[in-house]
Amino acid sequence: MVRAASHVADYGASVCATGVYRRRRPERTLAWQTVQGWLATWLADHGDLDAESVPAYVQRELSAYLECGILAHGFARARCADCTAEFLVA
C-alpha cells in the first residue's frame, strides 16, 4: 500500500500528536559553520609548516563532525506507531 505524500512530514518533523521529532539541523549552528568554513584552510596551513601537522585522528573527527546530523550523509526512515507518519533521522 502506498501512503499519500501528506503522511511524509518535513523530513525531520513528525506530525504525531504524541510527540514531535525535529531534526537538530547542525548546519545552522555557529560551531558547525565555523568548522565547515575554516577546516580546509586550517589543515592546509598546518600541513605547510615544518612543525608537527594535525594528527590524522583530529582530521577524521572534524570531518565526521561535519557529516553528523546531515541527511545527505546517511539517515534512517522511521515511522510513528501511533499515526504512521514517516520521518527521517539523520
N, C-alpha and C. Protein backbone atom coordinates (compact mmCIF):
# COMPACT_ATOMS: atom_id res chain seq x y z
N MET A 1 0.83 -1.17 0.00
CA MET A 1 0.00 0.00 0.00
C MET A 1 0.88 1.24 0.00
N VAL A 2 0.62 2.16 -0.89
CA VAL A 2 1.39 3.39 -1.00
C VAL A 2 0.71 4.47 -0.17
N ARG A 3 1.47 5.12 0.66
CA ARG A 3 0.94 6.17 1.51
C ARG A 3 0.93 7.50 0.76
N ALA A 4 -0.02 8.32 1.07
CA ALA A 4 -0.11 9.65 0.45
C ALA A 4 1.04 10.51 0.92
N ALA A 5 1.42 11.45 0.09
CA ALA A 5 2.54 12.34 0.42
C ALA A 5 2.29 13.13 1.69
N SER A 6 1.05 13.33 2.08
CA SER A 6 0.75 14.10 3.29
C SER A 6 1.22 13.38 4.55
N HIS A 7 1.46 12.06 4.47
CA HIS A 7 1.94 11.32 5.63
C HIS A 7 3.45 11.50 5.83
N VAL A 8 4.13 12.02 4.86
CA VAL A 8 5.56 12.22 4.98
C VAL A 8 5.79 13.67 5.40
N ALA A 9 6.27 13.82 6.61
CA ALA A 9 6.49 15.17 7.15
C ALA A 9 7.78 15.75 6.62
N ASP A 10 8.07 16.91 7.01
CA ASP A 10 9.18 17.76 6.59
C ASP A 10 10.55 17.07 6.67
N TYR A 11 10.66 15.80 6.43
CA TYR A 11 11.92 15.06 6.55
C TYR A 11 12.67 15.48 7.80
N GLY A 12 12.01 15.46 8.88
CA GLY A 12 12.63 15.79 10.15
C GLY A 12 11.61 16.23 11.17
N ALA A 13 10.36 16.34 10.84
CA ALA A 13 9.35 16.74 11.81
C ALA A 13 8.17 15.78 11.73
N SER A 14 7.88 15.12 12.83
CA SER A 14 6.74 14.21 12.86
C SER A 14 5.48 15.00 13.14
N VAL A 15 4.38 14.59 12.54
CA VAL A 15 3.10 15.27 12.74
C VAL A 15 2.29 14.58 13.83
N CYS A 16 2.85 13.63 14.49
CA CYS A 16 2.15 12.85 15.51
C CYS A 16 1.86 13.70 16.74
N ALA A 17 0.67 13.51 17.30
CA ALA A 17 0.27 14.26 18.48
C ALA A 17 0.99 13.79 19.75
N THR A 18 1.51 12.57 19.75
CA THR A 18 2.16 12.05 20.95
C THR A 18 3.57 12.60 21.14
N GLY A 19 4.13 13.15 20.14
CA GLY A 19 5.47 13.71 20.25
C GLY A 19 5.92 14.22 18.90
N VAL A 20 6.80 15.18 18.91
CA VAL A 20 7.27 15.77 17.67
C VAL A 20 8.78 15.60 17.59
N TYR A 21 9.23 14.95 16.52
CA TYR A 21 10.66 14.83 16.26
C TYR A 21 11.09 15.98 15.37
N ARG A 22 12.11 16.67 15.78
CA ARG A 22 12.66 17.74 14.95
C ARG A 22 14.15 17.48 14.79
N ARG A 23 14.56 17.40 13.54
CA ARG A 23 15.98 17.23 13.25
C ARG A 23 16.73 18.41 13.83
N ARG A 24 17.90 18.20 14.38
CA ARG A 24 18.62 19.26 15.08
C ARG A 24 19.27 20.28 14.16
N ARG A 25 19.39 19.98 12.88
CA ARG A 25 19.94 20.90 11.88
C ARG A 25 21.28 21.51 12.30
N PRO A 26 22.32 20.68 12.41
CA PRO A 26 23.62 21.20 12.86
C PRO A 26 24.20 22.25 11.93
N GLU A 27 23.83 22.20 10.65
CA GLU A 27 24.38 23.16 9.70
C GLU A 27 23.96 24.59 9.99
N ARG A 28 23.00 24.77 10.87
CA ARG A 28 22.56 26.12 11.24
C ARG A 28 23.28 26.68 12.46
N THR A 29 24.13 25.88 13.11
CA THR A 29 24.82 26.34 14.31
C THR A 29 26.10 27.08 13.95
N LEU A 30 26.49 27.99 14.82
CA LEU A 30 27.71 28.76 14.60
C LEU A 30 28.94 27.85 14.62
N ALA A 31 28.96 26.88 15.53
CA ALA A 31 30.11 25.98 15.62
C ALA A 31 30.29 25.20 14.32
N TRP A 32 29.21 24.63 13.79
CA TRP A 32 29.30 23.85 12.55
C TRP A 32 29.75 24.74 11.40
N GLN A 33 29.17 25.93 11.29
CA GLN A 33 29.51 26.84 10.20
C GLN A 33 30.97 27.28 10.29
N THR A 34 31.46 27.47 11.50
CA THR A 34 32.86 27.87 11.68
C THR A 34 33.80 26.75 11.27
N VAL A 35 33.54 25.53 11.73
CA VAL A 35 34.39 24.39 11.36
C VAL A 35 34.32 24.16 9.86
N GLN A 36 33.13 24.20 9.29
CA GLN A 36 32.96 23.97 7.86
C GLN A 36 33.69 25.04 7.05
N GLY A 37 33.62 26.27 7.49
CA GLY A 37 34.22 27.38 6.75
C GLY A 37 35.74 27.44 6.83
N TRP A 38 36.31 26.95 7.94
CA TRP A 38 37.74 27.13 8.15
C TRP A 38 38.56 25.84 8.19
N LEU A 39 37.93 24.68 8.17
CA LEU A 39 38.67 23.44 8.32
C LEU A 39 39.72 23.25 7.23
N ALA A 40 39.35 23.41 5.99
CA ALA A 40 40.31 23.19 4.89
C ALA A 40 41.48 24.15 4.98
N THR A 41 41.21 25.41 5.29
CA THR A 41 42.27 26.41 5.42
C THR A 41 43.19 26.07 6.58
N TRP A 42 42.60 25.71 7.72
CA TRP A 42 43.38 25.39 8.91
C TRP A 42 44.27 24.18 8.66
N LEU A 43 43.71 23.14 8.03
CA LEU A 43 44.51 21.95 7.73
C LEU A 43 45.62 22.26 6.74
N ALA A 44 45.34 23.09 5.74
CA ALA A 44 46.36 23.45 4.76
C ALA A 44 47.48 24.26 5.41
N ASP A 45 47.12 25.19 6.28
CA ASP A 45 48.13 26.00 6.97
C ASP A 45 49.02 25.15 7.86
N HIS A 46 48.44 24.19 8.55
CA HIS A 46 49.23 23.34 9.44
C HIS A 46 49.99 22.27 8.68
N GLY A 47 49.56 21.93 7.49
CA GLY A 47 50.27 20.96 6.68
C GLY A 47 51.51 21.55 6.04
N ASP A 48 51.52 22.88 5.84
CA ASP A 48 52.66 23.55 5.21
C ASP A 48 53.79 23.84 6.19
N LEU A 49 53.52 23.83 7.46
CA LEU A 49 54.53 24.14 8.46
C LEU A 49 55.51 22.98 8.60
N ASP A 50 56.74 23.30 8.97
CA ASP A 50 57.73 22.25 9.21
C ASP A 50 57.49 21.55 10.54
N ALA A 51 56.74 22.21 11.41
CA ALA A 51 56.44 21.61 12.71
C ALA A 51 55.45 20.45 12.52
N GLU A 52 54.99 19.92 13.62
CA GLU A 52 54.05 18.80 13.55
C GLU A 52 52.77 19.22 12.86
N SER A 53 52.27 18.36 12.00
CA SER A 53 51.00 18.63 11.33
C SER A 53 49.86 18.15 12.23
N VAL A 54 48.65 18.41 11.80
CA VAL A 54 47.47 18.00 12.56
C VAL A 54 47.37 16.47 12.53
N PRO A 55 47.21 15.84 13.70
CA PRO A 55 47.11 14.37 13.72
C PRO A 55 45.93 13.89 12.88
N ALA A 56 46.07 12.72 12.32
CA ALA A 56 45.04 12.16 11.46
C ALA A 56 43.72 11.98 12.20
N TYR A 57 43.77 11.61 13.49
CA TYR A 57 42.52 11.41 14.22
C TYR A 57 41.76 12.72 14.40
N VAL A 58 42.46 13.85 14.49
CA VAL A 58 41.80 15.15 14.60
C VAL A 58 41.09 15.47 13.28
N GLN A 59 41.77 15.21 12.17
CA GLN A 59 41.15 15.44 10.86
C GLN A 59 39.92 14.56 10.68
N ARG A 60 40.01 13.28 11.07
CA ARG A 60 38.87 12.37 10.96
C ARG A 60 37.69 12.83 11.81
N GLU A 61 37.96 13.22 13.05
CA GLU A 61 36.89 13.64 13.95
C GLU A 61 36.21 14.92 13.47
N LEU A 62 36.97 15.87 12.98
CA LEU A 62 36.37 17.11 12.49
C LEU A 62 35.55 16.85 11.22
N SER A 63 36.03 15.98 10.36
CA SER A 63 35.26 15.63 9.16
C SER A 63 33.99 14.90 9.53
N ALA A 64 34.07 13.98 10.50
CA ALA A 64 32.89 13.26 10.96
C ALA A 64 31.89 14.21 11.61
N TYR A 65 32.38 15.21 12.34
CA TYR A 65 31.52 16.20 12.95
C TYR A 65 30.70 16.93 11.89
N LEU A 66 31.32 17.25 10.77
CA LEU A 66 30.62 17.96 9.71
C LEU A 66 29.56 17.09 9.02
N GLU A 67 29.71 15.77 9.08
CA GLU A 67 28.75 14.87 8.45
C GLU A 67 27.61 14.47 9.39
N CYS A 68 27.85 14.51 10.69
CA CYS A 68 26.86 14.04 11.66
C CYS A 68 25.62 14.93 11.65
N GLY A 69 24.48 14.32 11.49
CA GLY A 69 23.22 15.04 11.51
C GLY A 69 22.80 15.61 10.17
N ILE A 70 23.58 15.37 9.13
CA ILE A 70 23.26 15.86 7.79
C ILE A 70 22.64 14.71 7.00
N LEU A 71 21.43 14.91 6.51
CA LEU A 71 20.71 13.84 5.82
C LEU A 71 21.47 13.29 4.61
N ALA A 72 22.22 14.13 3.92
CA ALA A 72 22.95 13.70 2.73
C ALA A 72 24.02 12.65 3.05
N HIS A 73 24.42 12.55 4.32
CA HIS A 73 25.47 11.61 4.71
C HIS A 73 24.92 10.34 5.35
N GLY A 74 23.62 10.17 5.30
CA GLY A 74 23.02 8.95 5.82
C GLY A 74 21.84 9.24 6.73
N PHE A 75 20.86 8.36 6.68
CA PHE A 75 19.68 8.54 7.51
C PHE A 75 18.95 7.22 7.65
N ALA A 76 18.05 7.20 8.61
CA ALA A 76 17.14 6.07 8.80
C ALA A 76 15.73 6.60 8.65
N ARG A 77 14.89 5.84 8.00
CA ARG A 77 13.48 6.22 7.88
C ARG A 77 12.74 5.59 9.07
N ALA A 78 12.01 6.42 9.79
CA ALA A 78 11.26 5.95 10.96
C ALA A 78 9.78 6.22 10.75
N ARG A 79 8.96 5.43 11.42
CA ARG A 79 7.51 5.58 11.31
C ARG A 79 6.92 5.56 12.71
N CYS A 80 6.06 6.51 12.97
CA CYS A 80 5.36 6.59 14.24
C CYS A 80 4.35 5.44 14.32
N ALA A 81 4.38 4.71 15.41
CA ALA A 81 3.46 3.59 15.58
C ALA A 81 2.02 4.06 15.79
N ASP A 82 1.85 5.28 16.29
CA ASP A 82 0.51 5.79 16.56
C ASP A 82 -0.18 6.33 15.32
N CYS A 83 0.51 7.21 14.58
CA CYS A 83 -0.15 7.88 13.45
C CYS A 83 0.40 7.44 12.09
N THR A 84 1.40 6.60 12.05
CA THR A 84 2.08 6.11 10.86
C THR A 84 2.76 7.19 10.04
N ALA A 85 2.96 8.37 10.61
CA ALA A 85 3.74 9.40 9.91
C ALA A 85 5.17 8.91 9.78
N GLU A 86 5.78 9.21 8.65
CA GLU A 86 7.17 8.81 8.41
C GLU A 86 8.06 10.04 8.49
N PHE A 87 9.28 9.82 8.97
CA PHE A 87 10.25 10.91 9.04
C PHE A 87 11.65 10.32 8.96
N LEU A 88 12.61 11.15 8.65
CA LEU A 88 14.00 10.71 8.51
C LEU A 88 14.79 11.14 9.74
N VAL A 89 15.64 10.25 10.20
CA VAL A 89 16.53 10.54 11.30
C VAL A 89 17.95 10.50 10.76
N ALA A 90 18.62 11.62 10.80
CA ALA A 90 19.99 11.72 10.26
C ALA A 90 20.98 10.98 11.14
